[in-house]
């Protein structure tokens, strides 16, 4: 790994991650600079409000760097980072919705708790994003739909999902992982 003064040059992601593991702030900054714009564009697909998307982007980087020691270097850093960002975006959408009403009885006007200072156009855009996510979840095969609804819409913990659906927690995690992959494919289309 080559260092020149205070600048890191010509380092791969794996090399930057090795430095990040020993808390090298410049390595963190290099990774942030490399991925920030593409990650923000990705998050904006879920969250059209620029400020909220930037907040989610920042939280995604913070979470990645706080958990960098859990990163498996056999995989691409970008894949791991984008997965974190997707989860943060879904969590953000979940936090702003008004209730955890069953998906069968959701009224789209009740999905989000939008304050009166947000403009109506933004509310319509957010409603559409949430509606698209819900319809994507509803189009999953039934076995995956149930776990996805409980996790992503009702915010159940893994243990609660396992109890509710009477299945082992390992099965819940596997089904959620597969549901996420299917949802990713739907969103990328």
N, C-alpha and C. Protein backbone atom coordinates (compact mmCIF):
# COMPACT_ATOMS: atom_id res chain seq x y z
N UNK A 1 0.85 -1.17 0.00
CA UNK A 1 0.00 0.00 0.00
C UNK A 1 0.89 1.23 0.00
N UNK A 2 0.57 2.14 -0.86
CA UNK A 2 1.42 3.30 -1.05
C UNK A 2 0.77 4.53 -0.46
N UNK A 3 1.54 5.24 0.37
CA UNK A 3 1.07 6.49 0.96
C UNK A 3 2.03 7.58 0.52
N UNK A 4 1.50 8.70 0.13
CA UNK A 4 2.33 9.85 -0.20
C UNK A 4 1.85 11.00 0.66
N UNK A 5 2.67 11.40 1.60
CA UNK A 5 2.26 12.46 2.51
C UNK A 5 0.99 12.05 3.22
N UNK A 6 -0.03 12.88 3.11
CA UNK A 6 -1.31 12.58 3.76
C UNK A 6 -2.32 12.02 2.76
N UNK A 7 -1.89 11.74 1.55
CA UNK A 7 -2.81 11.25 0.51
C UNK A 7 -2.57 9.76 0.24
N UNK A 8 -3.65 9.05 0.02
CA UNK A 8 -3.58 7.64 -0.41
C UNK A 8 -3.78 7.64 -1.92
N UNK A 9 -2.91 6.96 -2.63
CA UNK A 9 -3.06 6.95 -4.08
C UNK A 9 -3.06 5.52 -4.61
N UNK A 10 -3.81 5.33 -5.66
CA UNK A 10 -3.84 4.07 -6.40
C UNK A 10 -4.12 2.84 -5.53
N UNK A 11 -5.01 2.97 -4.59
CA UNK A 11 -5.34 1.83 -3.74
C UNK A 11 -6.68 1.24 -4.15
N UNK A 12 -6.77 -0.07 -4.10
CA UNK A 12 -8.03 -0.76 -4.39
C UNK A 12 -8.95 -0.63 -3.18
N UNK A 13 -10.21 -1.00 -3.38
CA UNK A 13 -11.15 -0.99 -2.26
C UNK A 13 -10.67 -1.89 -1.13
N UNK A 14 -10.14 -3.06 -1.48
CA UNK A 14 -9.67 -3.99 -0.45
C UNK A 14 -8.54 -3.38 0.36
N UNK A 15 -7.64 -2.67 -0.30
CA UNK A 15 -6.55 -2.03 0.41
C UNK A 15 -7.07 -0.89 1.30
N UNK A 16 -8.02 -0.13 0.78
CA UNK A 16 -8.60 0.95 1.59
C UNK A 16 -9.34 0.37 2.80
N UNK A 17 -9.99 -0.75 2.62
CA UNK A 17 -10.71 -1.38 3.73
C UNK A 17 -9.72 -1.88 4.78
N UNK A 18 -8.61 -2.42 4.33
CA UNK A 18 -7.59 -2.86 5.30
C UNK A 18 -7.13 -1.68 6.15
N UNK A 19 -6.96 -0.53 5.53
CA UNK A 19 -6.58 0.67 6.29
C UNK A 19 -7.74 1.14 7.18
N UNK A 20 -8.95 1.05 6.65
CA UNK A 20 -10.12 1.46 7.44
C UNK A 20 -10.27 0.58 8.68
N UNK A 21 -9.90 -0.68 8.56
CA UNK A 21 -9.98 -1.59 9.71
C UNK A 21 -9.08 -1.15 10.86
N UNK A 22 -8.02 -0.43 10.53
CA UNK A 22 -7.16 0.10 11.59
C UNK A 22 -7.46 1.57 11.85
N UNK A 23 -8.68 1.96 11.47
CA UNK A 23 -9.24 3.29 11.76
C UNK A 23 -8.49 4.43 11.06
N UNK A 24 -8.01 4.19 9.85
CA UNK A 24 -7.37 5.24 9.05
C UNK A 24 -8.48 6.13 8.46
N UNK A 25 -8.57 7.36 8.95
CA UNK A 25 -9.62 8.28 8.53
C UNK A 25 -9.52 8.64 7.04
N UNK A 26 -8.32 8.71 6.51
CA UNK A 26 -8.16 9.02 5.08
C UNK A 26 -8.72 7.90 4.21
N UNK A 27 -8.59 6.67 4.66
CA UNK A 27 -9.16 5.54 3.91
C UNK A 27 -10.68 5.64 3.90
N UNK A 28 -11.26 5.99 5.05
CA UNK A 28 -12.71 6.20 5.11
C UNK A 28 -13.12 7.29 4.12
N UNK A 29 -12.37 8.38 4.13
CA UNK A 29 -12.69 9.52 3.24
C UNK A 29 -12.59 9.12 1.77
N UNK A 30 -11.60 8.32 1.43
CA UNK A 30 -11.45 7.87 0.04
C UNK A 30 -12.65 7.02 -0.38
N UNK A 31 -13.06 6.10 0.48
CA UNK A 31 -14.22 5.26 0.16
C UNK A 31 -15.49 6.11 0.06
N UNK A 32 -15.65 7.05 0.96
CA UNK A 32 -16.81 7.93 0.93
C UNK A 32 -16.84 8.72 -0.38
N UNK A 33 -15.71 9.32 -0.73
CA UNK A 33 -15.65 10.11 -1.97
C UNK A 33 -15.91 9.25 -3.21
N UNK A 34 -15.45 8.03 -3.17
CA UNK A 34 -15.61 7.14 -4.32
C UNK A 34 -17.07 6.75 -4.55
N UNK A 35 -17.82 6.52 -3.46
CA UNK A 35 -19.16 5.96 -3.59
C UNK A 35 -20.31 6.91 -3.28
N UNK A 36 -20.02 8.09 -2.77
CA UNK A 36 -21.09 8.96 -2.30
C UNK A 36 -22.12 9.31 -3.37
N UNK A 37 -21.68 9.72 -4.55
CA UNK A 37 -22.66 10.16 -5.57
C UNK A 37 -23.50 8.99 -6.08
N UNK A 38 -22.89 7.84 -6.31
CA UNK A 38 -23.67 6.70 -6.80
C UNK A 38 -24.61 6.17 -5.72
N UNK A 39 -24.17 6.21 -4.46
CA UNK A 39 -25.03 5.75 -3.38
C UNK A 39 -26.21 6.70 -3.19
N UNK A 40 -25.96 7.99 -3.31
CA UNK A 40 -27.04 8.97 -3.18
C UNK A 40 -28.07 8.79 -4.31
N UNK A 41 -27.59 8.54 -5.52
CA UNK A 41 -28.51 8.29 -6.65
C UNK A 41 -29.35 7.04 -6.40
N UNK A 42 -28.73 6.01 -5.86
CA UNK A 42 -29.43 4.77 -5.54
C UNK A 42 -30.51 5.02 -4.49
N UNK A 43 -30.17 5.73 -3.43
CA UNK A 43 -31.11 6.00 -2.35
C UNK A 43 -32.25 6.87 -2.85
N UNK A 44 -31.96 7.77 -3.77
CA UNK A 44 -32.99 8.67 -4.31
C UNK A 44 -34.08 7.92 -5.05
N UNK A 45 -33.82 6.69 -5.48
CA UNK A 45 -34.86 5.87 -6.09
C UNK A 45 -35.93 5.52 -5.07
N UNK A 46 -35.54 5.42 -3.80
CA UNK A 46 -36.47 5.10 -2.73
C UNK A 46 -37.03 6.36 -2.07
N UNK A 47 -36.16 7.36 -1.92
CA UNK A 47 -36.51 8.56 -1.16
C UNK A 47 -36.27 9.78 -2.03
N UNK A 48 -37.32 10.34 -2.62
CA UNK A 48 -37.13 11.44 -3.56
C UNK A 48 -36.74 12.78 -2.92
N UNK A 49 -37.02 12.96 -1.64
CA UNK A 49 -36.64 14.19 -0.95
C UNK A 49 -35.12 14.21 -0.80
N UNK A 50 -34.46 15.21 -1.39
CA UNK A 50 -33.00 15.29 -1.44
C UNK A 50 -32.38 15.29 -0.04
N UNK A 51 -32.91 16.09 0.86
CA UNK A 51 -32.35 16.17 2.21
C UNK A 51 -32.46 14.84 2.94
N UNK A 52 -33.61 14.21 2.83
CA UNK A 52 -33.80 12.91 3.48
C UNK A 52 -32.86 11.87 2.86
N UNK A 53 -32.73 11.90 1.55
CA UNK A 53 -31.84 10.95 0.86
C UNK A 53 -30.39 11.17 1.32
N UNK A 54 -29.99 12.43 1.47
CA UNK A 54 -28.63 12.71 1.95
C UNK A 54 -28.43 12.22 3.38
N UNK A 55 -29.46 12.37 4.22
CA UNK A 55 -29.38 11.87 5.60
C UNK A 55 -29.22 10.36 5.61
N UNK A 56 -30.01 9.68 4.78
CA UNK A 56 -29.94 8.22 4.71
C UNK A 56 -28.56 7.80 4.17
N UNK A 57 -28.05 8.54 3.20
CA UNK A 57 -26.72 8.25 2.64
C UNK A 57 -25.67 8.36 3.75
N UNK A 58 -25.73 9.42 4.51
CA UNK A 58 -24.78 9.63 5.61
C UNK A 58 -24.88 8.51 6.64
N UNK A 59 -26.12 8.16 7.01
CA UNK A 59 -26.31 7.07 7.98
C UNK A 59 -25.77 5.75 7.44
N UNK A 60 -25.92 5.54 6.13
CA UNK A 60 -25.43 4.30 5.52
C UNK A 60 -23.91 4.21 5.63
N UNK A 61 -23.21 5.33 5.33
CA UNK A 61 -21.76 5.34 5.47
C UNK A 61 -21.35 5.16 6.92
N UNK A 62 -22.04 5.82 7.83
CA UNK A 62 -21.72 5.68 9.25
C UNK A 62 -21.86 4.24 9.70
N UNK A 63 -22.96 3.61 9.29
CA UNK A 63 -23.20 2.22 9.67
C UNK A 63 -22.13 1.30 9.07
N UNK A 64 -21.79 1.56 7.80
CA UNK A 64 -20.76 0.74 7.15
C UNK A 64 -19.42 0.88 7.88
N UNK A 65 -19.05 2.10 8.21
CA UNK A 65 -17.75 2.31 8.84
C UNK A 65 -17.73 1.84 10.29
N UNK A 66 -18.86 1.92 10.97
CA UNK A 66 -18.91 1.40 12.34
C UNK A 66 -18.82 -0.13 12.35
N UNK A 67 -19.26 -0.75 11.24
CA UNK A 67 -19.27 -2.22 11.17
C UNK A 67 -18.27 -2.76 10.15
N UNK A 68 -17.28 -1.96 9.81
CA UNK A 68 -16.32 -2.36 8.77
C UNK A 68 -15.62 -3.67 9.12
N UNK A 69 -15.47 -3.95 10.41
CA UNK A 69 -14.83 -5.20 10.82
C UNK A 69 -15.69 -6.42 10.49
N UNK A 70 -16.97 -6.23 10.18
CA UNK A 70 -17.86 -7.34 9.82
C UNK A 70 -17.89 -7.59 8.31
N UNK A 71 -17.25 -6.69 7.55
CA UNK A 71 -17.25 -6.82 6.09
C UNK A 71 -16.42 -8.03 5.66
N UNK A 72 -16.99 -8.84 4.77
CA UNK A 72 -16.29 -10.00 4.22
C UNK A 72 -15.58 -9.56 2.95
N UNK A 73 -14.26 -9.55 2.98
CA UNK A 73 -13.46 -9.03 1.85
C UNK A 73 -13.52 -9.92 0.61
N UNK A 74 -14.20 -11.05 0.69
CA UNK A 74 -14.38 -11.88 -0.51
C UNK A 74 -15.39 -11.24 -1.45
N UNK A 75 -16.17 -10.29 -0.95
CA UNK A 75 -17.21 -9.66 -1.74
C UNK A 75 -16.85 -8.20 -2.02
N UNK A 76 -17.55 -7.61 -2.96
CA UNK A 76 -17.31 -6.21 -3.31
C UNK A 76 -17.83 -5.30 -2.20
N UNK A 77 -17.04 -4.30 -1.84
CA UNK A 77 -17.45 -3.33 -0.82
C UNK A 77 -18.72 -2.62 -1.26
N UNK A 78 -18.82 -2.30 -2.55
CA UNK A 78 -19.98 -1.56 -3.04
C UNK A 78 -21.27 -2.35 -2.83
N UNK A 79 -21.24 -3.65 -3.03
CA UNK A 79 -22.43 -4.49 -2.83
C UNK A 79 -22.88 -4.41 -1.38
N UNK A 80 -21.94 -4.53 -0.47
CA UNK A 80 -22.24 -4.48 0.96
C UNK A 80 -22.79 -3.10 1.33
N UNK A 81 -22.14 -2.05 0.83
CA UNK A 81 -22.56 -0.68 1.13
C UNK A 81 -23.97 -0.41 0.60
N UNK A 82 -24.25 -0.84 -0.62
CA UNK A 82 -25.58 -0.60 -1.21
C UNK A 82 -26.65 -1.40 -0.48
N UNK A 83 -26.30 -2.56 0.01
CA UNK A 83 -27.26 -3.35 0.80
C UNK A 83 -27.60 -2.62 2.10
N UNK A 84 -26.59 -2.06 2.74
CA UNK A 84 -26.82 -1.27 3.96
C UNK A 84 -27.72 -0.09 3.63
N UNK A 85 -27.42 0.60 2.52
CA UNK A 85 -28.20 1.78 2.13
C UNK A 85 -29.66 1.42 1.85
N UNK A 86 -29.87 0.29 1.20
CA UNK A 86 -31.25 -0.13 0.91
C UNK A 86 -32.01 -0.36 2.21
N UNK A 87 -31.37 -1.02 3.16
CA UNK A 87 -32.02 -1.26 4.45
C UNK A 87 -32.29 0.05 5.18
N UNK A 88 -31.34 0.98 5.12
CA UNK A 88 -31.54 2.29 5.76
C UNK A 88 -32.69 3.05 5.10
N UNK A 89 -32.79 2.96 3.78
CA UNK A 89 -33.88 3.65 3.07
C UNK A 89 -35.24 3.06 3.46
N UNK A 90 -35.31 1.74 3.52
CA UNK A 90 -36.56 1.09 3.92
C UNK A 90 -36.90 1.45 5.36
N UNK A 91 -35.89 1.47 6.22
CA UNK A 91 -36.12 1.88 7.62
C UNK A 91 -36.63 3.31 7.68
N UNK A 92 -36.07 4.19 6.87
CA UNK A 92 -36.50 5.59 6.85
C UNK A 92 -37.97 5.68 6.43
N UNK A 93 -38.33 4.98 5.38
CA UNK A 93 -39.71 5.00 4.90
C UNK A 93 -40.64 4.45 5.98
N UNK A 94 -40.21 3.40 6.63
CA UNK A 94 -41.00 2.79 7.69
C UNK A 94 -41.20 3.77 8.85
N UNK A 95 -40.14 4.52 9.18
CA UNK A 95 -40.24 5.47 10.29
C UNK A 95 -41.23 6.59 10.02
N UNK A 96 -41.36 6.99 8.75
CA UNK A 96 -42.25 8.12 8.46
C UNK A 96 -43.69 7.71 8.21
N UNK A 97 -43.92 6.43 8.06
CA UNK A 97 -45.32 6.06 7.84
C UNK A 97 -46.11 6.14 9.14
N UNK A 98 -47.37 6.37 9.02
CA UNK A 98 -48.21 6.70 10.17
C UNK A 98 -48.52 5.52 11.07
N UNK A 99 -48.86 4.38 10.50
CA UNK A 99 -49.30 3.29 11.36
C UNK A 99 -48.77 1.97 10.83
N UNK A 100 -48.93 0.94 11.64
CA UNK A 100 -48.53 -0.40 11.23
C UNK A 100 -49.77 -1.24 10.94
N UNK A 101 -50.74 -0.60 10.33
CA UNK A 101 -51.96 -1.28 9.96
C UNK A 101 -51.63 -2.46 9.05
N UNK A 102 -52.39 -3.51 9.13
CA UNK A 102 -52.19 -4.66 8.25
C UNK A 102 -52.23 -4.20 6.80
N UNK A 103 -51.40 -4.81 5.99
CA UNK A 103 -51.31 -4.41 4.60
C UNK A 103 -52.64 -4.56 3.86
N UNK A 104 -53.46 -5.49 4.32
CA UNK A 104 -54.74 -5.69 3.67
C UNK A 104 -55.69 -4.51 3.88
N UNK A 105 -55.50 -3.76 4.96
CA UNK A 105 -56.41 -2.67 5.27
C UNK A 105 -55.77 -1.30 5.13
N UNK A 106 -54.59 -1.23 4.51
CA UNK A 106 -53.91 0.05 4.38
C UNK A 106 -54.65 0.95 3.39
N UNK A 107 -54.89 2.14 3.84
CA UNK A 107 -55.42 3.19 2.99
C UNK A 107 -54.23 4.03 2.61
N UNK A 108 -53.97 4.23 1.33
CA UNK A 108 -52.76 4.93 0.91
C UNK A 108 -52.61 6.30 1.54
N UNK A 109 -53.69 6.98 1.85
CA UNK A 109 -53.57 8.29 2.49
C UNK A 109 -53.08 8.17 3.93
N UNK A 110 -53.15 6.96 4.51
CA UNK A 110 -52.70 6.75 5.88
C UNK A 110 -51.27 6.23 5.96
N UNK A 111 -50.63 5.97 4.81
CA UNK A 111 -49.32 5.34 4.82
C UNK A 111 -48.28 6.19 5.50
N UNK A 112 -48.25 7.47 5.23
CA UNK A 112 -47.21 8.33 5.76
C UNK A 112 -47.77 9.40 6.66
N UNK A 113 -46.99 9.76 7.64
CA UNK A 113 -47.35 10.88 8.50
C UNK A 113 -46.55 12.08 8.00
N UNK A 114 -47.12 12.82 7.06
CA UNK A 114 -46.46 13.96 6.45
C UNK A 114 -46.90 15.21 7.17
N UNK A 115 -45.92 16.00 7.62
CA UNK A 115 -46.29 17.23 8.32
C UNK A 115 -46.80 18.26 7.33
N UNK A 116 -47.54 19.24 7.82
CA UNK A 116 -48.21 20.20 6.96
C UNK A 116 -47.24 21.13 6.25
N UNK A 117 -45.95 21.20 6.70
CA UNK A 117 -45.01 22.10 6.04
C UNK A 117 -44.37 21.48 4.80
N UNK A 118 -44.60 20.20 4.52
CA UNK A 118 -44.09 19.59 3.30
C UNK A 118 -45.05 19.90 2.16
N UNK A 119 -44.49 20.09 0.98
CA UNK A 119 -45.37 20.47 -0.12
C UNK A 119 -46.15 19.26 -0.64
N UNK A 120 -47.32 19.51 -1.20
CA UNK A 120 -48.20 18.41 -1.64
C UNK A 120 -47.56 17.54 -2.73
N UNK A 121 -46.75 18.13 -3.59
CA UNK A 121 -46.10 17.36 -4.65
C UNK A 121 -45.15 16.32 -4.04
N UNK A 122 -44.41 16.73 -3.03
CA UNK A 122 -43.50 15.81 -2.35
C UNK A 122 -44.28 14.68 -1.68
N UNK A 123 -45.41 15.00 -1.09
CA UNK A 123 -46.25 13.99 -0.45
C UNK A 123 -46.72 12.96 -1.47
N UNK A 124 -47.12 13.43 -2.64
CA UNK A 124 -47.57 12.52 -3.70
C UNK A 124 -46.42 11.60 -4.12
N UNK A 125 -45.22 12.15 -4.27
CA UNK A 125 -44.07 11.35 -4.68
C UNK A 125 -43.76 10.29 -3.62
N UNK A 126 -43.75 10.69 -2.35
CA UNK A 126 -43.47 9.74 -1.27
C UNK A 126 -44.55 8.67 -1.22
N UNK A 127 -45.82 9.08 -1.37
CA UNK A 127 -46.92 8.11 -1.39
C UNK A 127 -46.71 7.09 -2.51
N UNK A 128 -46.26 7.56 -3.68
CA UNK A 128 -46.04 6.65 -4.81
C UNK A 128 -44.91 5.67 -4.51
N UNK A 129 -43.82 6.17 -3.91
CA UNK A 129 -42.69 5.30 -3.58
C UNK A 129 -43.14 4.22 -2.59
N UNK A 130 -43.84 4.63 -1.54
CA UNK A 130 -44.30 3.67 -0.54
C UNK A 130 -45.29 2.68 -1.17
N UNK A 131 -46.18 3.20 -2.00
CA UNK A 131 -47.15 2.33 -2.68
C UNK A 131 -46.44 1.31 -3.56
N UNK A 132 -45.38 1.75 -4.27
CA UNK A 132 -44.62 0.83 -5.12
C UNK A 132 -43.93 -0.25 -4.29
N UNK A 133 -43.38 0.15 -3.14
CA UNK A 133 -42.72 -0.84 -2.28
C UNK A 133 -43.74 -1.84 -1.75
N UNK A 134 -44.88 -1.34 -1.31
CA UNK A 134 -45.92 -2.24 -0.79
C UNK A 134 -46.42 -3.17 -1.88
N UNK A 135 -46.65 -2.63 -3.10
CA UNK A 135 -47.13 -3.51 -4.18
C UNK A 135 -46.06 -4.53 -4.57
N UNK A 136 -44.78 -4.14 -4.48
CA UNK A 136 -43.71 -5.10 -4.74
C UNK A 136 -43.73 -6.22 -3.71
N UNK A 137 -43.90 -5.85 -2.45
CA UNK A 137 -43.98 -6.87 -1.39
C UNK A 137 -45.18 -7.78 -1.63
N UNK A 138 -46.30 -7.19 -2.01
CA UNK A 138 -47.52 -7.99 -2.24
C UNK A 138 -47.40 -8.91 -3.45
N UNK A 139 -46.48 -8.60 -4.37
CA UNK A 139 -46.34 -9.46 -5.55
C UNK A 139 -45.36 -10.61 -5.32
N UNK A 140 -44.73 -10.65 -4.14
CA UNK A 140 -43.84 -11.76 -3.82
C UNK A 140 -44.65 -13.05 -3.66
N UNK A 141 -44.02 -14.20 -3.88
CA UNK A 141 -44.70 -15.47 -3.59
C UNK A 141 -45.13 -15.48 -2.12
N UNK A 142 -46.21 -16.16 -1.81
CA UNK A 142 -46.87 -16.09 -0.51
C UNK A 142 -45.93 -16.36 0.66
N UNK A 143 -45.05 -17.33 0.56
CA UNK A 143 -44.14 -17.66 1.65
C UNK A 143 -43.19 -16.52 1.97
N UNK A 144 -42.80 -15.78 0.97
CA UNK A 144 -41.90 -14.65 1.16
C UNK A 144 -42.68 -13.38 1.51
N UNK A 145 -43.88 -13.28 0.97
CA UNK A 145 -44.73 -12.11 1.22
C UNK A 145 -45.00 -11.96 2.71
N UNK A 146 -45.33 -13.06 3.37
CA UNK A 146 -45.69 -13.00 4.79
C UNK A 146 -44.52 -12.48 5.63
N UNK A 147 -43.32 -13.03 5.42
CA UNK A 147 -42.18 -12.56 6.22
C UNK A 147 -41.81 -11.13 5.86
N UNK A 148 -41.89 -10.77 4.57
CA UNK A 148 -41.55 -9.41 4.15
C UNK A 148 -42.53 -8.40 4.73
N UNK A 149 -43.81 -8.73 4.73
CA UNK A 149 -44.82 -7.83 5.31
C UNK A 149 -44.54 -7.60 6.79
N UNK A 150 -44.29 -8.69 7.52
CA UNK A 150 -44.06 -8.55 8.95
C UNK A 150 -42.78 -7.77 9.26
N UNK A 151 -41.75 -7.97 8.46
CA UNK A 151 -40.47 -7.30 8.73
C UNK A 151 -40.46 -5.86 8.22
N UNK A 152 -40.80 -5.66 6.95
CA UNK A 152 -40.61 -4.36 6.32
C UNK A 152 -41.77 -3.39 6.54
N UNK A 153 -42.94 -3.91 6.78
CA UNK A 153 -44.09 -3.02 6.95
C UNK A 153 -44.47 -2.92 8.42
N UNK A 154 -44.52 -4.06 9.09
CA UNK A 154 -44.95 -4.05 10.49
C UNK A 154 -43.78 -3.93 11.47
N UNK A 155 -42.55 -4.00 10.95
CA UNK A 155 -41.35 -3.80 11.76
C UNK A 155 -41.21 -4.84 12.87
N UNK A 156 -41.57 -6.09 12.59
CA UNK A 156 -41.40 -7.16 13.55
C UNK A 156 -39.92 -7.55 13.63
N UNK A 157 -39.48 -7.95 14.81
CA UNK A 157 -38.15 -8.52 14.98
C UNK A 157 -38.18 -9.96 14.42
N UNK A 158 -37.00 -10.50 14.13
CA UNK A 158 -36.92 -11.86 13.59
C UNK A 158 -37.63 -12.86 14.50
N UNK A 159 -37.40 -12.72 15.80
CA UNK A 159 -38.00 -13.65 16.77
C UNK A 159 -39.53 -13.58 16.73
N UNK A 160 -40.06 -12.36 16.59
CA UNK A 160 -41.51 -12.19 16.54
C UNK A 160 -42.09 -12.78 15.26
N UNK A 161 -41.37 -12.64 14.16
CA UNK A 161 -41.82 -13.23 12.90
C UNK A 161 -41.85 -14.75 13.03
N UNK A 162 -40.77 -15.31 13.61
CA UNK A 162 -40.70 -16.76 13.79
C UNK A 162 -41.88 -17.26 14.63
N UNK A 163 -42.19 -16.53 15.68
CA UNK A 163 -43.30 -16.93 16.55
C UNK A 163 -44.64 -16.79 15.82
N UNK A 164 -44.83 -15.66 15.14
CA UNK A 164 -46.09 -15.39 14.43
C UNK A 164 -46.36 -16.44 13.35
N UNK A 165 -45.31 -16.80 12.60
CA UNK A 165 -45.49 -17.74 11.48
C UNK A 165 -45.16 -19.18 11.86
N UNK A 166 -44.80 -19.39 13.14
CA UNK A 166 -44.50 -20.72 13.63
C UNK A 166 -43.44 -21.42 12.79
N UNK A 167 -42.28 -20.75 12.65
CA UNK A 167 -41.17 -21.33 11.90
C UNK A 167 -39.86 -21.01 12.61
N UNK A 168 -38.83 -21.80 12.35
CA UNK A 168 -37.54 -21.54 12.98
C UNK A 168 -36.96 -20.18 12.54
N UNK A 169 -36.20 -19.56 13.42
CA UNK A 169 -35.65 -18.24 13.12
C UNK A 169 -34.70 -18.29 11.92
N UNK A 170 -33.99 -19.40 11.74
CA UNK A 170 -33.11 -19.55 10.58
C UNK A 170 -33.90 -19.51 9.28
N UNK A 171 -35.07 -20.13 9.27
CA UNK A 171 -35.94 -20.11 8.09
C UNK A 171 -36.43 -18.70 7.82
N UNK A 172 -36.76 -17.97 8.88
CA UNK A 172 -37.20 -16.58 8.73
C UNK A 172 -36.10 -15.75 8.07
N UNK A 173 -34.87 -15.89 8.57
CA UNK A 173 -33.75 -15.13 8.01
C UNK A 173 -33.51 -15.49 6.55
N UNK A 174 -33.58 -16.76 6.24
CA UNK A 174 -33.39 -17.20 4.85
C UNK A 174 -34.47 -16.63 3.94
N UNK A 175 -35.71 -16.73 4.38
CA UNK A 175 -36.82 -16.21 3.56
C UNK A 175 -36.71 -14.70 3.39
N UNK A 176 -36.33 -13.99 4.45
CA UNK A 176 -36.16 -12.53 4.34
C UNK A 176 -35.03 -12.18 3.37
N UNK A 177 -33.95 -12.93 3.44
CA UNK A 177 -32.84 -12.68 2.52
C UNK A 177 -33.28 -12.89 1.07
N UNK A 178 -34.01 -13.95 0.82
CA UNK A 178 -34.50 -14.21 -0.54
C UNK A 178 -35.53 -13.17 -0.96
N UNK A 179 -36.39 -12.75 -0.03
CA UNK A 179 -37.38 -11.71 -0.34
C UNK A 179 -36.67 -10.40 -0.70
N UNK A 180 -35.61 -10.05 0.04
CA UNK A 180 -34.83 -8.84 -0.28
C UNK A 180 -34.26 -8.92 -1.69
N UNK A 181 -33.72 -10.08 -2.03
CA UNK A 181 -33.14 -10.25 -3.37
C UNK A 181 -34.21 -10.08 -4.44
N UNK A 182 -35.38 -10.66 -4.22
CA UNK A 182 -36.48 -10.53 -5.20
C UNK A 182 -36.90 -9.07 -5.30
N UNK A 183 -36.99 -8.38 -4.17
CA UNK A 183 -37.38 -6.97 -4.18
C UNK A 183 -36.32 -6.13 -4.89
N UNK A 184 -35.04 -6.44 -4.67
CA UNK A 184 -33.97 -5.74 -5.37
C UNK A 184 -34.11 -5.88 -6.88
N UNK A 185 -34.40 -7.12 -7.31
CA UNK A 185 -34.57 -7.37 -8.75
C UNK A 185 -35.75 -6.58 -9.30
N UNK A 186 -36.84 -6.52 -8.53
CA UNK A 186 -38.02 -5.75 -8.96
C UNK A 186 -37.68 -4.28 -9.09
N UNK A 187 -36.97 -3.74 -8.10
CA UNK A 187 -36.62 -2.32 -8.10
C UNK A 187 -35.66 -2.01 -9.25
N UNK A 188 -34.71 -2.89 -9.50
CA UNK A 188 -33.74 -2.62 -10.58
C UNK A 188 -34.38 -2.69 -11.96
N UNK A 189 -35.51 -3.42 -12.08
CA UNK A 189 -36.23 -3.45 -13.35
C UNK A 189 -36.98 -2.16 -13.54
